[in-house]
PDB file of N, CA and C in Angstrom:
ATOM      1  N   UNK A   1     -11.541  25.512  -6.129  1.00  0.00           N
ATOM      2  CA  UNK A   1     -11.019  24.441  -5.257  1.00  0.00           C
ATOM      3  C   UNK A   1     -12.137  23.109  -5.003  1.00  0.00           C
ATOM      4  N   UNK A   2     -13.336  23.323  -5.551  1.00  0.00           N
ATOM      5  CA  UNK A   2     -14.017  21.933  -5.590  1.00  0.00           C
ATOM      6  C   UNK A   2     -13.630  20.858  -7.174  1.00  0.00           C
ATOM      7  N   UNK A   3     -13.122  21.851  -8.250  1.00  0.00           N
ATOM      8  CA  UNK A   3     -12.450  21.096  -9.082  1.00  0.00           C
ATOM      9  C   UNK A   3     -11.124  20.358  -8.706  1.00  0.00           C
ATOM     10  N   UNK A   4     -10.537  20.803  -7.948  1.00  0.00           N
ATOM     11  CA  UNK A   4      -9.480  20.527  -7.491  1.00  0.00           C
ATOM     12  C   UNK A   4      -9.639  19.150  -6.615  1.00  0.00           C
ATOM     13  N   UNK A   5     -10.483  19.034  -5.296  1.00  0.00           N
ATOM     14  CA  UNK A   5     -11.052  18.103  -4.633  1.00  0.00           C
ATOM     15  C   UNK A   5     -11.742  17.007  -5.467  1.00  0.00           C
ATOM     16  N   UNK A   6     -12.507  17.094  -6.623  1.00  0.00           N
ATOM     17  CA  UNK A   6     -13.199  16.194  -7.527  1.00  0.00           C
ATOM     18  C   UNK A   6     -12.045  15.492  -7.837  1.00  0.00           C
ATOM     19  N   UNK A   7     -10.943  16.088  -8.734  1.00  0.00           N
ATOM     20  CA  UNK A   7      -9.830  15.661  -9.631  1.00  0.00           C
ATOM     21  C   UNK A   7      -9.143  14.807  -8.526  1.00  0.00           C
ATOM     22  N   UNK A   8      -8.691  15.136  -7.472  1.00  0.00           N
ATOM     23  CA  UNK A   8      -7.979  14.359  -6.218  1.00  0.00           C
ATOM     24  C   UNK A   8      -8.533  12.881  -5.954  1.00  0.00           C
ATOM     25  N   UNK A   9     -10.079  13.157  -5.734  1.00  0.00           N
ATOM     26  CA  UNK A   9     -10.804  11.915  -5.750  1.00  0.00           C
ATOM     27  C   UNK A   9     -10.865  10.944  -6.195  1.00  0.00           C
ATOM     28  N   UNK A  10     -10.540  11.333  -7.584  1.00  0.00           N
ATOM     29  CA  UNK A  10     -10.669  10.349  -8.996  1.00  0.00           C
ATOM     30  C   UNK A  10      -9.327   9.541  -9.010  1.00  0.00           C
ATOM     31  N   UNK A  11      -8.017  10.311  -8.276  1.00  0.00           N
ATOM     32  CA  UNK A  11      -7.028   9.329  -8.661  1.00  0.00           C
ATOM     33  C   UNK A  11      -6.306   9.001  -7.125  1.00  0.00           C
ATOM     34  N   UNK A  12      -7.019   9.471  -5.914  1.00  0.00           N
ATOM     35  CA  UNK A  12      -6.178   9.444  -4.785  1.00  0.00           C
ATOM     36  C   UNK A  12      -7.560   8.411  -4.031  1.00  0.00           C
ATOM     37  N   UNK A  13      -6.812   7.484  -3.370  1.00  0.00           N
ATOM     38  CA  UNK A  13      -8.025   6.473  -2.732  1.00  0.00           C
ATOM     39  C   UNK A  13      -7.421   5.885  -1.458  1.00  0.00           C
ATOM     40  N   UNK A  14      -8.078   5.332  -0.679  1.00  0.00           N
ATOM     41  CA  UNK A  14      -7.594   4.422   0.573  1.00  0.00           C
ATOM     42  C   UNK A  14      -7.002   3.093  -0.068  1.00  0.00           C
ATOM     43  N   UNK A  15      -5.979   2.699   0.523  1.00  0.00           N
ATOM     44  CA  UNK A  15      -5.109   1.301   0.018  1.00  0.00           C
ATOM     45  C   UNK A  15      -6.119   0.278   0.325  1.00  0.00           C
ATOM     46  N   UNK A  16      -6.175  -0.878  -0.888  1.00  0.00           N
ATOM     47  CA  UNK A  16      -7.302  -1.925  -0.452  1.00  0.00           C
ATOM     48  C   UNK A  16      -6.497  -2.980  -0.208  1.00  0.00           C
ATOM     49  N   UNK A  17      -6.747  -3.099   1.054  1.00  0.00           N
ATOM     50  CA  UNK A  17      -5.416  -3.916   1.660  1.00  0.00           C
ATOM     51  C   UNK A  17      -5.941  -4.050   3.211  1.00  0.00           C
ATOM     52  N   UNK A  18      -4.669  -4.711   3.999  1.00  0.00           N
ATOM     53  CA  UNK A  18      -4.467  -4.305   5.282  1.00  0.00           C
ATOM     54  C   UNK A  18      -3.323  -4.216   6.042  1.00  0.00           C
ATOM     55  N   UNK A  19      -3.369  -4.611   7.234  1.00  0.00           N
ATOM     56  CA  UNK A  19      -1.672  -4.364   7.868  1.00  0.00           C
ATOM     57  C   UNK A  19      -2.010  -5.737   9.173  1.00  0.00           C
ATOM     58  N   UNK A  20      -0.941  -6.088   9.419  1.00  0.00           N
ATOM     59  CA  UNK A  20      -0.686  -7.033  10.618  1.00  0.00           C
ATOM     60  C   UNK A  20       0.673  -6.879  11.424  1.00  0.00           C
ATOM     61  N   UNK A  21       0.505  -6.992  12.681  1.00  0.00           N
ATOM     62  CA  UNK A  21       1.918  -6.657  13.503  1.00  0.00           C
ATOM     63  C   UNK A  21       2.745  -7.872  13.152  1.00  0.00           C
ATOM     64  N   UNK A  22       3.950  -7.530  13.197  1.00  0.00           N
ATOM     65  CA  UNK A  22       4.967  -8.864  13.025  1.00  0.00           C
ATOM     66  C   UNK A  22       6.379  -8.518  13.301  1.00  0.00           C
ATOM     67  N   UNK A  23       6.861  -9.006  13.959  1.00  0.00           N
ATOM     68  CA  UNK A  23       8.468  -9.232  14.128  1.00  0.00           C
ATOM     69  C   UNK A  23       8.845  -7.608  14.470  1.00  0.00           C
ATOM     70  N   UNK A  24       7.873  -6.812  15.533  1.00  0.00           N
ATOM     71  CA  UNK A  24       8.474  -5.757  16.039  1.00  0.00           C
ATOM     72  C   UNK A  24       8.398  -4.310  14.567  1.00  0.00           C
ATOM     73  N   UNK A  25       7.172  -4.846  14.060  1.00  0.00           N
ATOM     74  CA  UNK A  25       7.035  -3.892  12.979  1.00  0.00           C
ATOM     75  C   UNK A  25       5.683  -3.928  12.826  1.00  0.00           C
ATOM     76  N   UNK A  26       5.494  -3.562  11.386  1.00  0.00           N
ATOM     77  CA  UNK A  26       3.970  -4.255  10.350  1.00  0.00           C
ATOM     78  C   UNK A  26       4.346  -4.860   9.096  1.00  0.00           C
ATOM     79  N   UNK A  27       3.534  -5.522   8.861  1.00  0.00           N
ATOM     80  CA  UNK A  27       3.577  -5.953   7.332  1.00  0.00           C
ATOM     81  C   UNK A  27       1.914  -5.578   6.901  1.00  0.00           C
ATOM     82  N   UNK A  28       1.698  -4.824   5.666  1.00  0.00           N
ATOM     83  CA  UNK A  28       1.126  -4.523   4.967  1.00  0.00           C
ATOM     84  C   UNK A  28       1.140  -5.247   3.763  1.00  0.00           C
ATOM     85  N   UNK A  29      -0.414  -5.632   3.470  1.00  0.00           N
ATOM     86  CA  UNK A  29      -0.528  -6.249   2.382  1.00  0.00           C
ATOM     87  C   UNK A  29      -1.497  -5.634   1.694  1.00  0.00           C
ATOM     88  N   UNK A  30      -1.287  -5.899   0.195  1.00  0.00           N
ATOM     89  CA  UNK A  30      -2.287  -4.884  -0.967  1.00  0.00           C
ATOM     90  C   UNK A  30      -2.215  -5.959  -2.263  1.00  0.00           C
ATOM     91  N   UNK A  31      -3.476  -5.783  -2.583  1.00  0.00           N
ATOM     92  CA  UNK A  31      -3.527  -6.400  -4.107  1.00  0.00           C
ATOM     93  C   UNK A  31      -2.852  -5.706  -5.294  1.00  0.00           C
ATOM     94  N   UNK A  32      -1.937  -6.319  -5.954  1.00  0.00           N
ATOM     95  CA  UNK A  32      -1.281  -6.171  -6.918  1.00  0.00           C
ATOM     96  C   UNK A  32      -1.611  -6.400  -8.369  1.00  0.00           C
ATOM     97  N   UNK A  33      -2.977  -6.954  -8.449  1.00  0.00           N
ATOM     98  CA  UNK A  33      -3.450  -7.081  -9.682  1.00  0.00           C
ATOM     99  C   UNK A  33      -3.948  -6.248 -10.660  1.00  0.00           C
ATOM    100  N   UNK A  34      -4.230  -5.813 -10.138  1.00  0.00           N
ATOM    101  CA  UNK A  34      -5.123  -4.243 -11.259  1.00  0.00           C
ATOM    102  C   UNK A  34      -4.149  -3.607 -11.412  1.00  0.00           C
ATOM    103  N   UNK A  35      -2.688  -3.597 -11.084  1.00  0.00           N
ATOM    104  CA  UNK A  35      -1.535  -2.734 -12.056  1.00  0.00           C
ATOM    105  C   UNK A  35      -0.604  -3.234 -13.149  1.00  0.00           C
ATOM    106  N   UNK A  36      -0.185  -2.548 -13.866  1.00  0.00           N
ATOM    107  CA  UNK A  36       0.475  -2.787 -14.647  1.00  0.00           C
ATOM    108  C   UNK A  36       1.638  -3.324 -14.437  1.00  0.00           C
ATOM    109  N   UNK A  37       2.357  -4.527 -14.664  1.00  0.00           N
ATOM    110  CA  UNK A  37       3.654  -5.235 -14.468  1.00  0.00           C
ATOM    111  C   UNK A  37       4.795  -4.048 -14.224  1.00  0.00           C
ATOM    112  N   UNK A  38       5.552  -3.997 -13.001  1.00  0.00           N
ATOM    113  CA  UNK A  38       6.753  -3.182 -13.013  1.00  0.00           C
ATOM    114  C   UNK A  38       6.140  -1.668 -12.947  1.00  0.00           C
ATOM    115  N   UNK A  39       4.794  -1.290 -13.204  1.00  0.00           N
ATOM    116  CA  UNK A  39       4.295   0.295 -12.807  1.00  0.00           C
ATOM    117  C   UNK A  39       3.823   0.508 -11.380  1.00  0.00           C
ATOM    118  N   UNK A  40       4.462   0.190  -9.977  1.00  0.00           N
ATOM    119  CA  UNK A  40       4.612   0.492  -8.863  1.00  0.00           C
ATOM    120  C   UNK A  40       5.268   1.295  -8.526  1.00  0.00           C
ATOM    121  N   UNK A  41       5.322   2.361  -7.691  1.00  0.00           N
ATOM    122  CA  UNK A  41       6.191   2.734  -6.792  1.00  0.00           C
ATOM    123  C   UNK A  41       5.513   2.907  -5.165  1.00  0.00           C
ATOM    124  N   UNK A  42       6.543   2.856  -4.447  1.00  0.00           N
ATOM    125  CA  UNK A  42       6.107   2.820  -2.780  1.00  0.00           C
ATOM    126  C   UNK A  42       6.873   3.663  -2.478  1.00  0.00           C
ATOM    127  N   UNK A  43       6.141   4.818  -1.402  1.00  0.00           N
ATOM    128  CA  UNK A  43       6.858   5.603  -0.959  1.00  0.00           C
ATOM    129  C   UNK A  43       6.382   5.681   0.994  1.00  0.00           C
ATOM    130  N   UNK A  44       7.299   5.333   1.299  1.00  0.00           N
ATOM    131  CA  UNK A  44       7.043   5.155   3.063  1.00  0.00           C
ATOM    132  C   UNK A  44       7.805   6.359   3.806  1.00  0.00           C
ATOM    133  N   UNK A  45       6.777   6.865   4.657  1.00  0.00           N
ATOM    134  CA  UNK A  45       7.250   7.795   5.535  1.00  0.00           C
ATOM    135  C   UNK A  45       6.705   7.438   6.854  1.00  0.00           C
ATOM    136  N   UNK A  46       7.459   8.029   7.573  1.00  0.00           N
ATOM    137  CA  UNK A  46       7.296   7.377   8.979  1.00  0.00           C
ATOM    138  C   UNK A  46       5.786   6.930   9.508  1.00  0.00           C
ATOM    139  N   UNK A  47       4.852   7.710   8.855  1.00  0.00           N
ATOM    140  CA  UNK A  47       3.417   7.445   9.682  1.00  0.00           C
ATOM    141  C   UNK A  47       2.437   7.545   8.691  1.00  0.00           C
ATOM    142  N   UNK A  48       2.884   7.036   7.370  1.00  0.00           N
ATOM    143  CA  UNK A  48       2.464   7.073   6.046  1.00  0.00           C
ATOM    144  C   UNK A  48       2.674   6.160   5.172  1.00  0.00           C
ATOM    145  N   UNK A  49       2.170   5.130   4.315  1.00  0.00           N
ATOM    146  CA  UNK A  49       2.516   4.771   3.125  1.00  0.00           C
ATOM    147  C   UNK A  49       1.727   4.962   1.876  1.00  0.00           C
ATOM    148  N   UNK A  50       2.249   5.171   0.731  1.00  0.00           N
ATOM    149  CA  UNK A  50       1.765   5.275  -0.457  1.00  0.00           C
ATOM    150  C   UNK A  50       2.374   4.880  -1.315  1.00  0.00           C
ATOM    151  N   UNK A  51       1.122   4.230  -2.508  1.00  0.00           N
ATOM    152  CA  UNK A  51       1.564   3.171  -3.592  1.00  0.00           C
ATOM    153  C   UNK A  51       0.857   4.065  -4.842  1.00  0.00           C
ATOM    154  N   UNK A  52       1.769   4.403  -5.666  1.00  0.00           N
ATOM    155  CA  UNK A  52       1.541   4.978  -6.733  1.00  0.00           C
ATOM    156  C   UNK A  52       1.538   4.342  -7.935  1.00  0.00           C
ATOM    157  N   UNK A  53       0.866   3.959  -8.929  1.00  0.00           N
ATOM    158  CA  UNK A  53       0.896   3.096  -9.462  1.00  0.00           C
ATOM    159  C   UNK A  53      -0.294   2.794 -10.942  1.00  0.00           C
ATOM    160  N   UNK A  54      -0.177   2.367 -12.151  1.00  0.00           N
ATOM    161  CA  UNK A  54      -0.905   2.345 -13.315  1.00  0.00           C
ATOM    162  C   UNK A  54      -1.645   1.527 -13.178  1.00  0.00           C
ATOM    163  N   UNK A  55      -3.167   1.763 -13.337  1.00  0.00           N
ATOM    164  CA  UNK A  55      -3.672   0.209 -13.373  1.00  0.00           C
ATOM    165  C   UNK A  55      -3.858  -0.058 -14.836  1.00  0.00           C
ATOM    166  N   UNK A  56      -3.900  -1.459 -14.860  1.00  0.00           N
ATOM    167  CA  UNK A  56      -4.229  -2.064 -16.134  1.00  0.00           C
ATOM    168  C   UNK A  56      -5.802  -1.605 -16.710  1.00  0.00           C
ATOM    169  N   UNK A  57      -5.405  -1.564 -18.260  1.00  0.00           N
ATOM    170  CA  UNK A  57      -6.741  -1.221 -19.063  1.00  0.00           C
ATOM    171  C   UNK A  57      -7.793  -2.219 -19.137  1.00  0.00           C
ATOM    172  N   UNK A  58      -8.886  -1.774 -18.661  1.00  0.00           N
ATOM    173  CA  UNK A  58      -9.856  -2.567 -18.577  1.00  0.00           C
ATOM    174  C   UNK A  58     -10.605  -2.986 -20.032  1.00  0.00           C
ATOM    175  N   UNK A  59     -11.284  -3.995 -20.103  1.00  0.00           N
ATOM    176  CA  UNK A  59     -12.009  -4.127 -21.203  1.00  0.00           C
ATOM    177  C   UNK A  59     -13.217  -5.089 -21.101  1.00  0.00           C
ATOM    178  N   UNK A  60     -13.987  -4.915 -22.142  1.00  0.00           N
ATOM    179  CA  UNK A  60     -15.350  -5.900 -21.824  1.00  0.00           C
ATOM    180  C   UNK A  60     -16.049  -5.498 -23.287  1.00  0.00           C
ATOM    181  N   UNK A  61     -17.773  -5.955 -23.300  1.00  0.00           N
ATOM    182  CA  UNK A  61     -18.551  -5.858 -24.175  1.00  0.00           C
ATOM    183  C   UNK A  61     -19.640  -4.997 -23.564  1.00  0.00           C
ATOM    184  N   UNK A  62     -20.140  -4.129 -24.396  1.00  0.00           N
ATOM    185  CA  UNK A  62     -21.340  -3.784 -24.400  1.00  0.00           C
ATOM    186  C   UNK A  62     -22.796  -4.485 -24.493  1.00  0.00           C
ATOM    187  N   UNK A  63     -23.353  -5.088 -23.376  1.00  0.00           N
ATOM    188  CA  UNK A  63     -24.329  -6.092 -23.827  1.00  0.00           C
ATOM    189  C   UNK A  63     -25.224  -5.883 -24.818  1.00  0.00           C
ATOM    190  N   UNK A  64     -25.771  -4.602 -24.912  1.00  0.00           N
ATOM    191  CA  UNK A  64     -26.672  -4.667 -26.257  1.00  0.00           C
ATOM    192  C   UNK A  64     -26.170  -4.236 -27.590  1.00  0.00           C
ATOM    193  N   UNK A  65     -25.329  -3.723 -27.821  1.00  0.00           N
ATOM    194  CA  UNK A  65     -24.627  -3.291 -28.927  1.00  0.00           C
ATOM    195  C   UNK A  65     -23.682  -4.312 -29.445  1.00  0.00           C
ATOM    196  N   UNK A  66     -23.044  -4.956 -28.409  1.00  0.00           N
ATOM    197  CA  UNK A  66     -21.513  -6.308 -28.517  1.00  0.00           C
ATOM    198  C   UNK A  66     -20.735  -5.600 -28.948  1.00  0.00           C
ATOM    199  N   UNK A  67     -20.435  -4.404 -28.917  1.00  0.00           N
ATOM    200  CA  UNK A  67     -19.034  -4.129 -29.147  1.00  0.00           C
ATOM    201  C   UNK A  67     -18.325  -3.993 -28.340  1.00  0.00           C
ATOM    202  N   UNK A  68     -17.113  -4.084 -28.390  1.00  0.00           N
ATOM    203  CA  UNK A  68     -15.960  -4.076 -27.306  1.00  0.00           C
ATOM    204  C   UNK A  68     -15.643  -2.637 -26.873  1.00  0.00           C
ATOM    205  N   UNK A  69     -15.479  -2.561 -25.674  1.00  0.00           N
ATOM    206  CA  UNK A  69     -14.735  -1.297 -25.291  1.00  0.00           C
ATOM    207  C   UNK A  69     -13.543  -1.566 -24.352  1.00  0.00           C
ATOM    208  N   UNK A  70     -12.922  -0.263 -24.478  1.00  0.00           N
ATOM    209  CA  UNK A  70     -11.495  -0.630 -23.584  1.00  0.00           C
ATOM    210  C   UNK A  70     -11.650   0.975 -23.168  1.00  0.00           C
ATOM    211  N   UNK A  71     -10.967   1.098 -21.518  1.00  0.00           N
ATOM    212  CA  UNK A  71     -10.855   2.189 -20.999  1.00  0.00           C
ATOM    213  C   UNK A  71      -9.461   2.580 -21.120  1.00  0.00           C
ATOM    214  N   UNK A  72      -9.250   3.538 -20.994  1.00  0.00           N
ATOM    215  CA  UNK A  72      -7.552   4.567 -20.722  1.00  0.00           C
ATOM    216  C   UNK A  72      -7.278   3.718 -19.172  1.00  0.00           C
ATOM    217  N   UNK A  73      -5.761   3.362 -19.373  1.00  0.00           N
ATOM    218  CA  UNK A  73      -4.837   3.334 -18.494  1.00  0.00           C
ATOM    219  C   UNK A  73      -4.895   4.272 -17.358  1.00  0.00           C
ATOM    220  N   UNK A  74      -4.942   3.931 -16.142  1.00  0.00           N
ATOM    221  CA  UNK A  74      -5.436   5.616 -15.171  1.00  0.00           C
ATOM    222  C   UNK A  74      -4.376   5.348 -13.882  1.00  0.00           C
ATOM    223  N   UNK A  75      -3.600   6.268 -13.705  1.00  0.00           N
ATOM    224  CA  UNK A  75      -2.617   6.516 -12.596  1.00  0.00           C
ATOM    225  C   UNK A  75      -3.336   6.331 -11.477  1.00  0.00           C
ATOM    226  N   UNK A  76      -3.215   5.650 -10.019  1.00  0.00           N
ATOM    227  CA  UNK A  76      -3.769   5.656  -8.879  1.00  0.00           C
ATOM    228  C   UNK A  76      -2.976   5.894  -7.675  1.00  0.00           C
ATOM    229  N   UNK A  77      -3.241   6.679  -6.626  1.00  0.00           N
ATOM    230  CA  UNK A  77      -2.656   7.115  -5.887  1.00  0.00           C
ATOM    231  C   UNK A  77      -3.355   6.163  -4.474  1.00  0.00           C
ATOM    232  N   UNK A  78      -2.654   5.256  -3.708  1.00  0.00           N
ATOM    233  CA  UNK A  78      -3.360   4.596  -2.638  1.00  0.00           C
ATOM    234  C   UNK A  78      -2.563   5.250  -1.181  1.00  0.00           C
ATOM    235  N   UNK A  79      -3.191   5.324  -0.559  1.00  0.00           N
ATOM    236  CA  UNK A  79      -2.732   5.929   1.104  1.00  0.00           C
ATOM    237  C   UNK A  79      -3.045   4.851   2.514  1.00  0.00           C
ATOM    238  N   UNK A  80      -2.311   5.114   3.338  1.00  0.00           N
ATOM    239  CA  UNK A  80      -2.484   4.252   4.340  1.00  0.00           C
ATOM    240  C   UNK A  80      -1.853   5.164   5.354  1.00  0.00           C
ATOM    241  N   UNK A  81      -2.723   5.345   6.183  1.00  0.00           N
ATOM    242  CA  UNK A  81      -1.989   6.010   7.351  1.00  0.00           C
ATOM    243  C   UNK A  81      -1.618   4.604   8.423  1.00  0.00           C
ATOM    244  N   UNK A  82      -0.368   5.054   8.645  1.00  0.00           N
ATOM    245  CA  UNK A  82       0.210   3.998   9.891  1.00  0.00           C
ATOM    246  C   UNK A  82      -0.364   4.127  11.284  1.00  0.00           C
ATOM    247  N   UNK A  83      -0.396   2.874  11.946  1.00  0.00           N
ATOM    248  CA  UNK A  83      -0.717   2.569  13.426  1.00  0.00           C
ATOM    249  C   UNK A  83       0.177   3.359  13.990  1.00  0.00           C
ATOM    250  N   UNK A  84       1.669   3.057  13.591  1.00  0.00           N
ATOM    251  CA  UNK A  84       2.760   2.986  14.533  1.00  0.00           C
ATOM    252  C   UNK A  84       3.653   4.030  13.505  1.00  0.00           C
ATOM    253  N   UNK A  85       4.738   4.271  14.474  1.00  0.00           N
ATOM    254  CA  UNK A  85       5.880   4.970  13.687  1.00  0.00           C
ATOM    255  C   UNK A  85       6.910   3.926  13.050  1.00  0.00           C
ATOM    256  N   UNK A  86       7.141   3.775  11.695  1.00  0.00           N
ATOM    257  CA  UNK A  86       8.094   3.033  11.224  1.00  0.00           C
ATOM    258  C   UNK A  86       9.056   3.716  10.989  1.00  0.00           C
ATOM    259  N   UNK A  87      10.390   2.906  10.489  1.00  0.00           N
ATOM    260  CA  UNK A  87      11.846   3.336  10.000  1.00  0.00           C
ATOM    261  C   UNK A  87      11.767   3.287   8.521  1.00  0.00           C
ATOM    262  N   UNK A  88      11.461   4.395   7.872  1.00  0.00           N
ATOM    263  CA  UNK A  88      11.082   4.126   6.382  1.00  0.00           C
ATOM    264  C   UNK A  88      12.896   3.162   5.494  1.00  0.00           C
ATOM    265  N   UNK A  89      13.877   3.622   6.223  1.00  0.00           N
ATOM    266  CA  UNK A  89      14.990   3.090   5.718  1.00  0.00           C
ATOM    267  C   UNK A  89      14.951   1.165   5.675  1.00  0.00           C
ATOM    268  N   UNK A  90      14.137   1.004   6.579  1.00  0.00           N
ATOM    269  CA  UNK A  90      14.157  -0.849   6.890  1.00  0.00           C
ATOM    270  C   UNK A  90      13.085  -1.290   5.938  1.00  0.00           C
ATOM    271  N   UNK A  91      12.091  -0.337   5.199  1.00  0.00           N
ATOM    272  CA  UNK A  91      11.140  -1.262   4.514  1.00  0.00           C
ATOM    273  C   UNK A  91      11.466  -1.807   3.075  1.00  0.00           C
ATOM    274  N   UNK A  92      10.788  -2.996   3.274  1.00  0.00           N
ATOM    275  CA  UNK A  92      11.223  -3.912   2.151  1.00  0.00           C
ATOM    276  C   UNK A  92       9.810  -4.492   1.632  1.00  0.00           C
ATOM    277  N   UNK A  93       9.657  -4.568   0.212  1.00  0.00           N
ATOM    278  CA  UNK A  93       8.360  -5.077  -0.310  1.00  0.00           C
ATOM    279  C   UNK A  93       8.809  -6.049  -1.261  1.00  0.00           C
ATOM    280  N   UNK A  94       7.624  -6.810  -1.397  1.00  0.00           N
ATOM    281  CA  UNK A  94       7.318  -8.286  -2.607  1.00  0.00           C
ATOM    282  C   UNK A  94       6.533  -8.519  -3.051  1.00  0.00           C
ATOM    283  N   UNK A  95       6.498  -9.008  -4.043  1.00  0.00           N
ATOM    284  CA  UNK A  95       5.325  -9.645  -4.888  1.00  0.00           C
ATOM    285  C   UNK A  95       5.511 -11.371  -4.348  1.00  0.00           C
ATOM    286  N   UNK A  96       3.866 -11.422  -3.893  1.00  0.00           N
ATOM    287  CA  UNK A  96       3.488 -12.695  -3.602  1.00  0.00           C
ATOM    288  C   UNK A  96       1.978 -13.262  -4.292  1.00  0.00           C
ATOM    289  N   UNK A  97       2.796 -13.308  -5.471  1.00  0.00           N
ATOM    290  CA  UNK A  97       1.190 -13.959  -6.606  1.00  0.00           C
ATOM    291  C   UNK A  97       0.802 -12.506  -6.966  1.00  0.00           C
ATOM    292  N   UNK A  98      -0.446 -12.188  -6.650  1.00  0.00           N
ATOM    293  CA  UNK A  98      -1.114 -11.008  -7.096  1.00  0.00           C
ATOM    294  C   UNK A  98      -0.903  -9.956  -6.039  1.00  0.00           C
ATOM    295  N   UNK A  99      -0.276 -10.103  -4.876  1.00  0.00           N
ATOM    296  CA  UNK A  99      -0.630  -9.299  -3.722  1.00  0.00           C
ATOM    297  C   UNK A  99       0.706  -9.189  -3.683  1.00  0.00           C
ATOM    298  N   UNK A 100       1.140  -7.498  -3.463  1.00  0.00           N
ATOM    299  CA  UNK A 100       2.073  -6.856  -2.653  1.00  0.00           C
ATOM    300  C   UNK A 100       2.089  -7.146  -1.266  1.00  0.00           C
ATOM    301  N   UNK A 101       3.441  -7.356  -0.816  1.00  0.00           N
ATOM    302  CA  UNK A 101       3.490  -7.510   0.802  1.00  0.00           C
ATOM    303  C   UNK A 101       4.728  -6.420   1.138  1.00  0.00           C
ATOM    304  N   UNK A 102       4.423  -5.927   2.066  1.00  0.00           N
ATOM    305  CA  UNK A 102       5.435  -4.601   2.382  1.00  0.00           C
ATOM    306  C   UNK A 102       6.065  -4.811   3.748  1.00  0.00           C
ATOM    307  N   UNK A 103       7.049  -4.868   4.313  1.00  0.00           N
ATOM    308  CA  UNK A 103       7.083  -5.215   5.472  1.00  0.00           C
ATOM    309  C   UNK A 103       7.980  -3.533   6.054  1.00  0.00           C
ATOM    310  N   UNK A 104       7.585  -3.416   7.169  1.00  0.00           N
ATOM    311  CA  UNK A 104       7.915  -1.962   8.210  1.00  0.00           C
ATOM    312  C   UNK A 104       8.234  -1.949   9.376  1.00  0.00           C
ATOM    313  N   UNK A 105       9.478  -1.862   9.794  1.00  0.00           N
ATOM    314  CA  UNK A 105      10.011  -2.284  10.737  1.00  0.00           C
ATOM    315  C   UNK A 105       9.994  -0.447  11.537  1.00  0.00           C
ATOM    316  N   UNK A 106       9.242  -1.074  12.836  1.00  0.00           N
ATOM    317  CA  UNK A 106       9.035  -0.105  14.238  1.00  0.00           C
ATOM    318  C   UNK A 106      10.232   0.938  14.059  1.00  0.00           C
ATOM    319  N   UNK A 107      10.058   1.920  14.062  1.00  0.00           N
ATOM    320  CA  UNK A 107      11.036   3.155  14.694  1.00  0.00           C
ATOM    321  C   UNK A 107      11.689   3.050  15.756  1.00  0.00           C
ATOM    322  N   UNK A 108      10.914   2.739  16.639  1.00  0.00           N
ATOM    323  CA  UNK A 108      11.358   2.519  18.083  1.00  0.00           C
ATOM    324  C   UNK A 108      10.747   1.398  18.577  1.00  0.00           C
ATOM    325  N   UNK A 109      11.939   0.099  18.449  1.00  0.00           N
ATOM    326  CA  UNK A 109      11.665  -1.032  18.535  1.00  0.00           C
ATOM    327  C   UNK A 109      11.506  -1.325  20.309  1.00  0.00           C
ATOM    328  N   UNK A 110      10.648  -2.095  20.768  1.00  0.00           N
ATOM    329  CA  UNK A 110      10.898  -2.326  22.245  1.00  0.00           C
ATOM    330  C   UNK A 110      11.904  -3.331  22.670  1.00  0.00           C
ATOM    331  N   UNK A 111      12.306  -2.404  23.483  1.00  0.00           N
ATOM    332  CA  UNK A 111      13.703  -3.317  24.372  1.00  0.00           C
ATOM    333  C   UNK A 111      13.841  -3.869  25.879  1.00  0.00           C
ATOM    334  N   UNK A 112      14.143  -5.079  25.446  1.00  0.00           N
ATOM    335  CA  UNK A 112      13.758  -6.047  26.912  1.00  0.00           C
ATOM    336  C   UNK A 112      14.639  -5.692  27.654  1.00  0.00           C
ATOM    337  N   UNK A 113      14.457  -5.778  29.014  1.00  0.00           N
ATOM    338  CA  UNK A 113      14.985  -5.430  30.098  1.00  0.00           C
ATOM    339  C   UNK A 113      15.377  -6.722  30.823  1.00  0.00           C
ATOM    340  N   UNK A 114      16.356  -6.999  31.215  1.00  0.00           N
ATOM    341  CA  UNK A 114      16.469  -8.116  32.014  1.00  0.00           C
ATOM    342  C   UNK A 114      16.458  -7.884  33.615  1.00  0.00           C
ATOM    343  N   UNK A 115      15.908  -8.810  34.179  1.00  0.00           N
ATOM    344  CA  UNK A 115      15.819  -8.374  35.475  1.00  0.00           C
ATOM    345  C   UNK A 115      16.355  -9.588  36.494  1.00  0.00           C
ATOM    346  N   UNK A 116      17.055  -9.047  37.412  1.00  0.00           N
ATOM    347  CA  UNK A 116      17.791  -9.937  38.193  1.00  0.00           C
ATOM    348  C   UNK A 116      16.939 -10.424  39.345  1.00  0.00           C
ATOM    349  N   UNK A 117      16.807 -11.585  39.239  1.00  0.00           N
ATOM    350  CA  UNK A 117      15.745 -12.259  40.280  1.00  0.00           C
ATOM    351  C   UNK A 117      16.202 -12.565  41.914  1.00  0.00           C
ATOM    352  N   UNK A 118      17.646 -12.217  42.136  1.00  0.00           N
ATOM    353  CA  UNK A 118      17.975 -12.046  43.394  1.00  0.00           C
ATOM    354  C   UNK A 118      17.727 -10.864  44.320  1.00  0.00           C
ATOM    355  N   UNK A 119      17.056 -10.791  45.291  1.00  0.00           N
ATOM    356  CA  UNK A 119      16.863  -9.850  46.251  1.00  0.00           C
ATOM    357  C   UNK A 119      17.907  -9.003  46.319  1.00  0.00           C
ATOM    358  N   UNK A 120      17.802  -7.323  46.724  1.00  0.00           N
ATOM    359  CA  UNK A 120      19.074  -6.832  47.401  1.00  0.00           C
ATOM    360  C   UNK A 120      19.333  -6.721  48.491  1.00  0.00           C
TER     361      UNK A 120
END
């Protein structure tokens, strides 16, 4: 069980981003610059948003040896528990430069009730 939890912690983590209320739902923004182009999958559930992606390989130089190193591409899972119940069928996503913007409509939008101002 310990090995399973350690392995899970290496690929599953919180979503790096945030959310704001908008138009009867919420808009989630997250950085997409760490992922390989076209290698992002989004799963929307009524109370959870999950992003599956393959991170870009990172590279650099060791300071002492001055030799180049490359790390392996790594699959990651980012999870955000949502503050409201959303309608997965109405979810939309788009890229805005290096940001991923996901619009999630409220599953139970507030209804406006018109009150008659005349006294009974």
